[in-house]
Each structure stands twice: as C-alpha cells, then as structure tokens.
C-alpha atoms as a PDB file:
ATOM      1  CA  UNK A   1       0.000   0.000   0.000  1.00  0.00           C
ATOM      2  CA  UNK A   2       1.354   3.413  -0.987  1.00  0.00           C
ATOM      3  CA  UNK A   3       0.198   6.345   1.125  1.00  0.00           C
ATOM      4  CA  UNK A   4       0.731   9.977   0.215  1.00  0.00           C
ATOM      5  CA  UNK A   5      -1.329  12.422   2.268  1.00  0.00           C
ATOM      6  CA  UNK A   6      -4.924  11.296   1.856  1.00  0.00           C
ATOM      7  CA  UNK A   7      -4.124   9.194  -1.232  1.00  0.00           C
ATOM      8  CA  UNK A   8      -3.799   5.431  -0.874  1.00  0.00           C
ATOM      9  CA  UNK A   9      -3.025   2.846  -3.509  1.00  0.00           C
ATOM     10  CA  UNK A  10      -2.748  -0.946  -3.149  1.00  0.00           C
ATOM     11  CA  UNK A  11       0.294  -2.080  -5.134  1.00  0.00           C
ATOM     12  CA  UNK A  12       1.208  -5.357  -6.825  1.00  0.00           C
ATOM     13  CA  UNK A  13       3.829  -4.023  -9.280  1.00  0.00           C
ATOM     14  CA  UNK A  14       6.399  -1.254  -8.898  1.00  0.00           C
ATOM     15  CA  UNK A  15       5.047   0.555 -11.995  1.00  0.00           C
ATOM     16  CA  UNK A  16       1.912   1.284  -9.967  1.00  0.00           C
ATOM     17  CA  UNK A  17       4.097   3.100  -7.439  1.00  0.00           C
ATOM     18  CA  UNK A  18       5.845   4.991 -10.212  1.00  0.00           C
ATOM     19  CA  UNK A  19       2.468   6.116 -11.586  1.00  0.00           C
ATOM     20  CA  UNK A  20       1.271   7.064  -8.097  1.00  0.00           C
ATOM     21  CA  UNK A  21       4.336   9.289  -7.696  1.00  0.00           C
ATOM     22  CA  UNK A  22       4.049  10.730 -11.209  1.00  0.00           C
ATOM     23  CA  UNK A  23       7.146   8.946 -12.495  1.00  0.00           C
ATOM     24  CA  UNK A  24       7.355   7.249 -15.909  1.00  0.00           C
ATOM     25  CA  UNK A  25       7.334   3.431 -16.109  1.00  0.00           C
ATOM     26  CA  UNK A  26      10.635   1.606 -16.289  1.00  0.00           C
ATOM     27  CA  UNK A  27      12.203   1.492 -19.742  1.00  0.00           C
ATOM     28  CA  UNK A  28      13.574  -1.542 -21.556  1.00  0.00           C
ATOM     29  CA  UNK A  29      12.029  -4.239 -19.414  1.00  0.00           C
ATOM     30  CA  UNK A  30      13.274  -7.717 -20.352  1.00  0.00           C
ATOM     31  CA  UNK A  31      10.852  -9.739 -22.499  1.00  0.00           C
ATOM     32  CA  UNK A  32       8.143 -11.912 -20.991  1.00  0.00           C
ATOM     33  CA  UNK A  33       9.866 -15.153 -22.008  1.00  0.00           C
ATOM     34  CA  UNK A  34      13.047 -14.196 -20.130  1.00  0.00           C
ATOM     35  CA  UNK A  35      10.964 -13.921 -16.968  1.00  0.00           C
ATOM     36  CA  UNK A  36       9.264 -17.235 -17.755  1.00  0.00           C
ATOM     37  CA  UNK A  37      12.669 -18.932 -17.924  1.00  0.00           C
ATOM     38  CA  UNK A  38      13.823 -17.247 -14.716  1.00  0.00           C
ATOM     39  CA  UNK A  39      10.680 -18.238 -12.798  1.00  0.00           C
ATOM     40  CA  UNK A  40      11.084 -21.794 -14.084  1.00  0.00           C
ATOM     41  CA  UNK A  41      14.619 -21.855 -12.592  1.00  0.00           C
ATOM     42  CA  UNK A  42      13.382 -20.388  -9.306  1.00  0.00           C
ATOM     43  CA  UNK A  43      10.557 -22.918  -9.015  1.00  0.00           C
ATOM     44  CA  UNK A  44      12.968 -25.767  -9.733  1.00  0.00           C
ATOM     45  CA  UNK A  45      15.084 -24.341  -6.910  1.00  0.00           C
ATOM     46  CA  UNK A  46      12.063 -24.478  -4.601  1.00  0.00           C
ATOM     47  CA  UNK A  47      11.506 -28.141  -5.533  1.00  0.00           C
ATOM     48  CA  UNK A  48      15.147 -29.000  -4.740  1.00  0.00           C
ATOM     49  CA  UNK A  49      14.943 -27.150  -1.433  1.00  0.00           C
ATOM     50  CA  UNK A  50      11.685 -28.844  -0.425  1.00  0.00           C
ATOM     51  CA  UNK A  51      13.215 -32.269  -1.011  1.00  0.00           C
ATOM     52  CA  UNK A  52      16.109 -31.379   1.310  1.00  0.00           C
ATOM     53  CA  UNK A  53      13.836 -30.763   4.298  1.00  0.00           C
ATOM     54  CA  UNK A  54      13.934 -33.661   6.764  1.00  0.00           C
ATOM     55  CA  UNK A  55      10.502 -35.073   7.580  1.00  0.00           C
ATOM     56  CA  UNK A  56      10.796 -33.942  11.202  1.00  0.00           C
ATOM     57  CA  UNK A  57      11.056 -30.310  10.050  1.00  0.00           C
ATOM     58  CA  UNK A  58       8.282 -30.440   7.448  1.00  0.00           C
ATOM     59  CA  UNK A  59       5.907 -28.532   9.737  1.00  0.00           C
ATOM     60  CA  UNK A  60       8.535 -26.448  11.554  1.00  0.00           C
ATOM     61  CA  UNK A  61       7.980 -22.711  11.478  1.00  0.00           C
ATOM     62  CA  UNK A  62       9.886 -20.865   8.786  1.00  0.00           C
ATOM     63  CA  UNK A  63      11.517 -17.544   9.710  1.00  0.00           C
ATOM     64  CA  UNK A  64       9.752 -14.193   9.810  1.00  0.00           C
ATOM     65  CA  UNK A  65       6.013 -14.935   9.630  1.00  0.00           C
ATOM     66  CA  UNK A  66       6.095 -18.387  11.185  1.00  0.00           C
ATOM     67  CA  UNK A  67       4.446 -20.252   8.305  1.00  0.00           C
ATOM     68  CA  UNK A  68       5.401 -23.884   7.940  1.00  0.00           C
ATOM     69  CA  UNK A  69       6.937 -25.142   4.698  1.00  0.00           C
ATOM     70  CA  UNK A  70       3.668 -26.371   3.107  1.00  0.00           C
ATOM     71  CA  UNK A  71       1.970 -23.010   3.648  1.00  0.00           C
ATOM     72  CA  UNK A  72       4.962 -20.991   2.417  1.00  0.00           C
ATOM     73  CA  UNK A  73       5.436 -23.144  -0.672  1.00  0.00           C
ATOM     74  CA  UNK A  74       1.712 -23.130  -1.421  1.00  0.00           C
ATOM     75  CA  UNK A  75       1.878 -19.314  -1.243  1.00  0.00           C
ATOM     76  CA  UNK A  76       4.582 -19.410  -3.931  1.00  0.00           C
ATOM     77  CA  UNK A  77       2.807 -21.809  -6.277  1.00  0.00           C
ATOM     78  CA  UNK A  78      -0.863 -20.837  -5.984  1.00  0.00           C
ATOM     79  CA  UNK A  79      -0.314 -17.495  -7.788  1.00  0.00           C
ATOM     80  CA  UNK A  80       1.853 -19.234 -10.397  1.00  0.00           C
ATOM     81  CA  UNK A  81      -1.079 -21.501 -11.235  1.00  0.00           C
ATOM     82  CA  UNK A  82      -3.279 -18.399 -11.409  1.00  0.00           C
ATOM     83  CA  UNK A  83      -0.846 -16.816 -13.883  1.00  0.00           C
ATOM     84  CA  UNK A  84      -1.758 -19.546 -16.356  1.00  0.00           C
ATOM     85  CA  UNK A  85      -5.489 -19.125 -15.927  1.00  0.00           C
ATOM     86  CA  UNK A  86      -5.193 -15.319 -16.098  1.00  0.00           C
ATOM     87  CA  UNK A  87      -3.780 -15.654 -19.618  1.00  0.00           C
ATOM     88  CA  UNK A  88      -7.174 -16.993 -20.663  1.00  0.00           C
ATOM     89  CA  UNK A  89      -9.520 -15.159 -18.295  1.00  0.00           C
ATOM     90  CA  UNK A  90      -7.898 -11.716 -18.036  1.00  0.00           C
ATOM     91  CA  UNK A  91      -8.331 -11.887 -14.250  1.00  0.00           C
ATOM     92  CA  UNK A  92      -5.673 -12.554 -11.616  1.00  0.00           C
ATOM     93  CA  UNK A  93      -7.623 -13.162  -8.420  1.00  0.00           C
ATOM     94  CA  UNK A  94      -4.897 -14.058  -5.923  1.00  0.00           C
ATOM     95  CA  UNK A  95      -5.951 -14.098  -2.298  1.00  0.00           C
ATOM     96  CA  UNK A  96      -3.857 -15.541   0.513  1.00  0.00           C
ATOM     97  CA  UNK A  97      -6.457 -15.768   3.287  1.00  0.00           C
ATOM     98  CA  UNK A  98      -6.991 -19.514   2.824  1.00  0.00           C
ATOM     99  CA  UNK A  99      -3.371 -20.507   2.105  1.00  0.00           C
ATOM    100  CA  UNK A 100      -3.041 -22.290   5.450  1.00  0.00           C
ATOM    101  CA  UNK A 101      -6.211 -24.365   5.080  1.00  0.00           C
ATOM    102  CA  UNK A 102      -5.499 -25.257   1.448  1.00  0.00           C
ATOM    103  CA  UNK A 103      -1.933 -26.334   2.259  1.00  0.00           C
ATOM    104  CA  UNK A 104      -2.903 -28.846   4.959  1.00  0.00           C
ATOM    105  CA  UNK A 105      -3.206 -31.849   2.647  1.00  0.00           C
ATOM    106  CA  UNK A 106       0.556 -32.104   2.050  1.00  0.00           C
ATOM    107  CA  UNK A 107       2.043 -34.788   4.286  1.00  0.00           C
ATOM    108  CA  UNK A 108       5.657 -35.069   3.155  1.00  0.00           C
ATOM    109  CA  UNK A 109       8.405 -33.182   1.335  1.00  0.00           C
ATOM    110  CA  UNK A 110       8.016 -35.581  -1.594  1.00  0.00           C
ATOM    111  CA  UNK A 111       4.294 -34.892  -1.912  1.00  0.00           C
ATOM    112  CA  UNK A 112       4.865 -31.140  -1.705  1.00  0.00           C
ATOM    113  CA  UNK A 113       7.640 -31.286  -4.323  1.00  0.00           C
ATOM    114  CA  UNK A 114       5.320 -33.206  -6.655  1.00  0.00           C
ATOM    115  CA  UNK A 115       2.722 -30.440  -6.301  1.00  0.00           C
ATOM    116  CA  UNK A 116       5.440 -27.872  -7.061  1.00  0.00           C
ATOM    117  CA  UNK A 117       6.553 -29.763 -10.163  1.00  0.00           C
ATOM    118  CA  UNK A 118       2.989 -30.119 -11.468  1.00  0.00           C
ATOM    119  CA  UNK A 119       2.250 -26.407 -11.045  1.00  0.00           C
ATOM    120  CA  UNK A 120       5.574 -25.415 -12.610  1.00  0.00           C
ATOM    121  CA  UNK A 121       5.364 -27.676 -15.655  1.00  0.00           C
ATOM    122  CA  UNK A 122       1.718 -26.804 -16.363  1.00  0.00           C
ATOM    123  CA  UNK A 123       2.420 -23.087 -16.110  1.00  0.00           C
ATOM    124  CA  UNK A 124       5.627 -23.188 -18.193  1.00  0.00           C
ATOM    125  CA  UNK A 125       3.807 -25.099 -20.925  1.00  0.00           C
ATOM    126  CA  UNK A 126       1.041 -22.473 -21.038  1.00  0.00           C
ATOM    127  CA  UNK A 127       3.411 -19.496 -20.719  1.00  0.00           C
ATOM    128  CA  UNK A 128       5.608 -20.722 -23.588  1.00  0.00           C
ATOM    129  CA  UNK A 129       2.861 -19.707 -26.029  1.00  0.00           C
ATOM    130  CA  UNK A 130       2.731 -16.071 -24.842  1.00  0.00           C
ATOM    131  CA  UNK A 131       3.953 -13.559 -27.412  1.00  0.00           C
ATOM    132  CA  UNK A 132       4.560  -9.814 -26.991  1.00  0.00           C
ATOM    133  CA  UNK A 133       0.938  -8.929 -27.783  1.00  0.00           C
ATOM    134  CA  UNK A 134      -0.438 -11.372 -25.209  1.00  0.00           C
ATOM    135  CA  UNK A 135       2.099 -10.184 -22.612  1.00  0.00           C
ATOM    136  CA  UNK A 136       0.828  -6.617 -23.077  1.00  0.00           C
ATOM    137  CA  UNK A 137      -2.831  -7.521 -22.503  1.00  0.00           C
ATOM    138  CA  UNK A 138      -4.543  -6.073 -19.444  1.00  0.00           C
ATOM    139  CA  UNK A 139      -5.280  -8.235 -16.417  1.00  0.00           C
ATOM    140  CA  UNK A 140      -7.710  -7.235 -13.686  1.00  0.00           C
ATOM    141  CA  UNK A 141      -6.263  -7.763 -10.201  1.00  0.00           C
ATOM    142  CA  UNK A 142      -7.476  -6.949  -6.697  1.00  0.00           C
ATOM    143  CA  UNK A 143      -4.861  -4.177  -6.762  1.00  0.00           C
ATOM    144  CA  UNK A 144      -5.849  -2.636 -10.055  1.00  0.00           C
ATOM    145  CA  UNK A 145      -5.284  -3.327 -13.756  1.00  0.00           C
ATOM    146  CA  UNK A 146      -1.853  -4.515 -14.871  1.00  0.00           C
ATOM    147  CA  UNK A 147      -0.434  -6.156 -17.965  1.00  0.00           C
ATOM    148  CA  UNK A 148       0.235  -9.880 -18.102  1.00  0.00           C
ATOM    149  CA  UNK A 149       3.935  -8.987 -18.118  1.00  0.00           C
ATOM    150  CA  UNK A 150       3.644  -6.886 -14.958  1.00  0.00           C
ATOM    151  CA  UNK A 151       1.769  -9.644 -13.140  1.00  0.00           C
ATOM    152  CA  UNK A 152       4.472 -12.126 -14.151  1.00  0.00           C
ATOM    153  CA  UNK A 153       7.226  -9.773 -12.985  1.00  0.00           C
ATOM    154  CA  UNK A 154       5.500  -9.307  -9.616  1.00  0.00           C
ATOM    155  CA  UNK A 155       5.213 -13.070  -9.133  1.00  0.00           C
ATOM    156  CA  UNK A 156       8.787 -13.598 -10.309  1.00  0.00           C
ATOM    157  CA  UNK A 157       9.996 -11.313  -7.532  1.00  0.00           C
ATOM    158  CA  UNK A 158       7.613 -12.952  -5.033  1.00  0.00           C
ATOM    159  CA  UNK A 159       8.818 -16.475  -5.869  1.00  0.00           C
ATOM    160  CA  UNK A 160      12.512 -15.594  -5.816  1.00  0.00           C
ATOM    161  CA  UNK A 161      12.231 -13.710  -2.529  1.00  0.00           C
ATOM    162  CA  UNK A 162      10.530 -16.679  -0.861  1.00  0.00           C
ATOM    163  CA  UNK A 163      13.127 -19.081  -2.264  1.00  0.00           C
ATOM    164  CA  UNK A 164      15.796 -16.954  -0.612  1.00  0.00           C
ATOM    165  CA  UNK A 165      13.841 -17.245   2.654  1.00  0.00           C
ATOM    166  CA  UNK A 166      13.636 -21.029   2.264  1.00  0.00           C
ATOM    167  CA  UNK A 167      17.434 -21.089   1.993  1.00  0.00           C
ATOM    168  CA  UNK A 168      17.602 -19.295   5.373  1.00  0.00           C
ATOM    169  CA  UNK A 169      15.174 -21.862   6.803  1.00  0.00           C
ATOM    170  CA  UNK A 170      17.304 -24.748   5.526  1.00  0.00           C
ATOM    171  CA  UNK A 171      20.423 -23.304   7.139  1.00  0.00           C
ATOM    172  CA  UNK A 172      18.550 -22.767  10.414  1.00  0.00           C
ATOM    173  CA  UNK A 173      17.705 -26.482  10.540  1.00  0.00           C
ATOM    174  CA  UNK A 174      21.300 -27.441   9.671  1.00  0.00           C
ATOM    175  CA  UNK A 175      20.919 -28.172   5.937  1.00  0.00           C
ATOM    176  CA  UNK A 176      23.123 -26.528   3.299  1.00  0.00           C
ATOM    177  CA  UNK A 177      21.008 -25.690   0.225  1.00  0.00           C
ATOM    178  CA  UNK A 178      21.850 -27.803  -2.835  1.00  0.00           C
ATOM    179  CA  UNK A 179      22.575 -25.881  -6.040  1.00  0.00           C
ATOM    180  CA  UNK A 180      21.648 -22.597  -4.374  1.00  0.00           C
ATOM    181  CA  UNK A 181      20.568 -19.967  -6.893  1.00  0.00           C
ATOM    182  CA  UNK A 182      22.316 -16.611  -6.807  1.00  0.00           C
ATOM    183  CA  UNK A 183      21.646 -13.282  -8.484  1.00  0.00           C
ATOM    184  CA  UNK A 184      23.019 -14.343 -11.869  1.00  0.00           C
ATOM    185  CA  UNK A 185      20.938 -17.550 -11.814  1.00  0.00           C
ATOM    186  CA  UNK A 186      17.643 -15.722 -11.370  1.00  0.00           C
ATOM    187  CA  UNK A 187      18.275 -12.777 -13.725  1.00  0.00           C
ATOM    188  CA  UNK A 188      16.402 -10.777 -14.953  1.00  0.00           C
ATOM    189  CA  UNK A 189      14.656 -11.000 -11.558  1.00  0.00           C
ATOM    190  CA  UNK A 190      16.310  -8.462  -9.283  1.00  0.00           C
ATOM    191  CA  UNK A 191      16.046  -8.692  -5.499  1.00  0.00           C
ATOM    192  CA  UNK A 192      17.017  -6.129  -2.897  1.00  0.00           C
ATOM    193  CA  UNK A 193      19.325  -6.747   0.027  1.00  0.00           C
ATOM    194  CA  UNK A 194      16.593  -7.503   2.580  1.00  0.00           C
ATOM    195  CA  UNK A 195      15.606 -11.153   2.901  1.00  0.00           C
ATOM    196  CA  UNK A 196      12.761 -10.469   5.352  1.00  0.00           C
END
C-alpha cells in the first residue's frame, strides 16, 4: 500500500508506485519469455529445497512470519497456477487468506515437491505460447489493472524472494542448500538486500 497524504493505492507491481508518484514506467524491461525462464529456474530451486527438508522439520515454522513449509510453498505456487489461468480469463484473483487451510493436505516433502513440479510444468507449458501482444494484454487484479507482463514480474519477484527465505530456513535447521541460486541464476529477476 502506498500512502501519500490522503491518497492510498494498493500495489502489486512497482510501476503502480511509479504512476502514483508521477514517475514514468521503467524502460527496456526484459521480455516476458526471459521472466518465464527465470521463474522456471526459481521454481525448480524451490523443488530442490523442499526435497532437502527432513521429515521432522516439514511442519517447523519458517523464519519471519512463522508459516510452515507447506503453507509458504503453497503461497509461492498458488499465484503461479493463477498466472496460467489469467492468460485466458484476463483476471488474476490471488488471495492468501486460505493458504493455510489449502496447504494442509501435504504430508511429506516428496508430496509437496510433486505439487510444485505439477504447477511449474503446467504453467511453463502455457506461458511458452505467450507472445509480446499477449504479454501486453490487461489483467484485472485486486490491486488494479496490470499487464500480463507486470503480473508475471511481480510473481517472479515474489517467488525468488521466498526461495531466498527457504534457503535461510534450511540453514537454520542445519541443511546446506543444494545448487543454491544466486543473483546471476535468477536474472532478470532483481532482489534487494533484505531477505525479510
């Protein structure tokens, strides 16, 4: 939420903040398909990380907000699945209020990783057909209209930021992340310095 005097604006993408402040949108944004490839790498990283979690820590609290691994990972993948349906419907209706309840059916790291893989492969298959015209189409969100590309960029950042938090969780339970992704691995997604 951006607040300026009496003005308030819910924000999903940084371009909304730029518009709110009277600044022009960012120039030369990388193409949609570059973000698709980057999100695919990030989601594969989540799958690897999930499979490294010992069964006894599957429901341990993750840092910061105290969500367990199933809830955190569901929060990453539910909007990715919605990205695919938004390409057809023009609506991205992502709400997190029921993430906890909807993530309760996962009973093991293997089961959760299978869910991750299914969401990722289905979405990548659908996203591969998106051209520049489709990426520029408007999507209605709870935080205002955006383009398909802007919604993807917002979820790319969201996914990568949570993966970085999962790496912290792994280290806290004594597990060194396998094939940890760094800044060059997730480009063109750019993250700030803060993990939480």
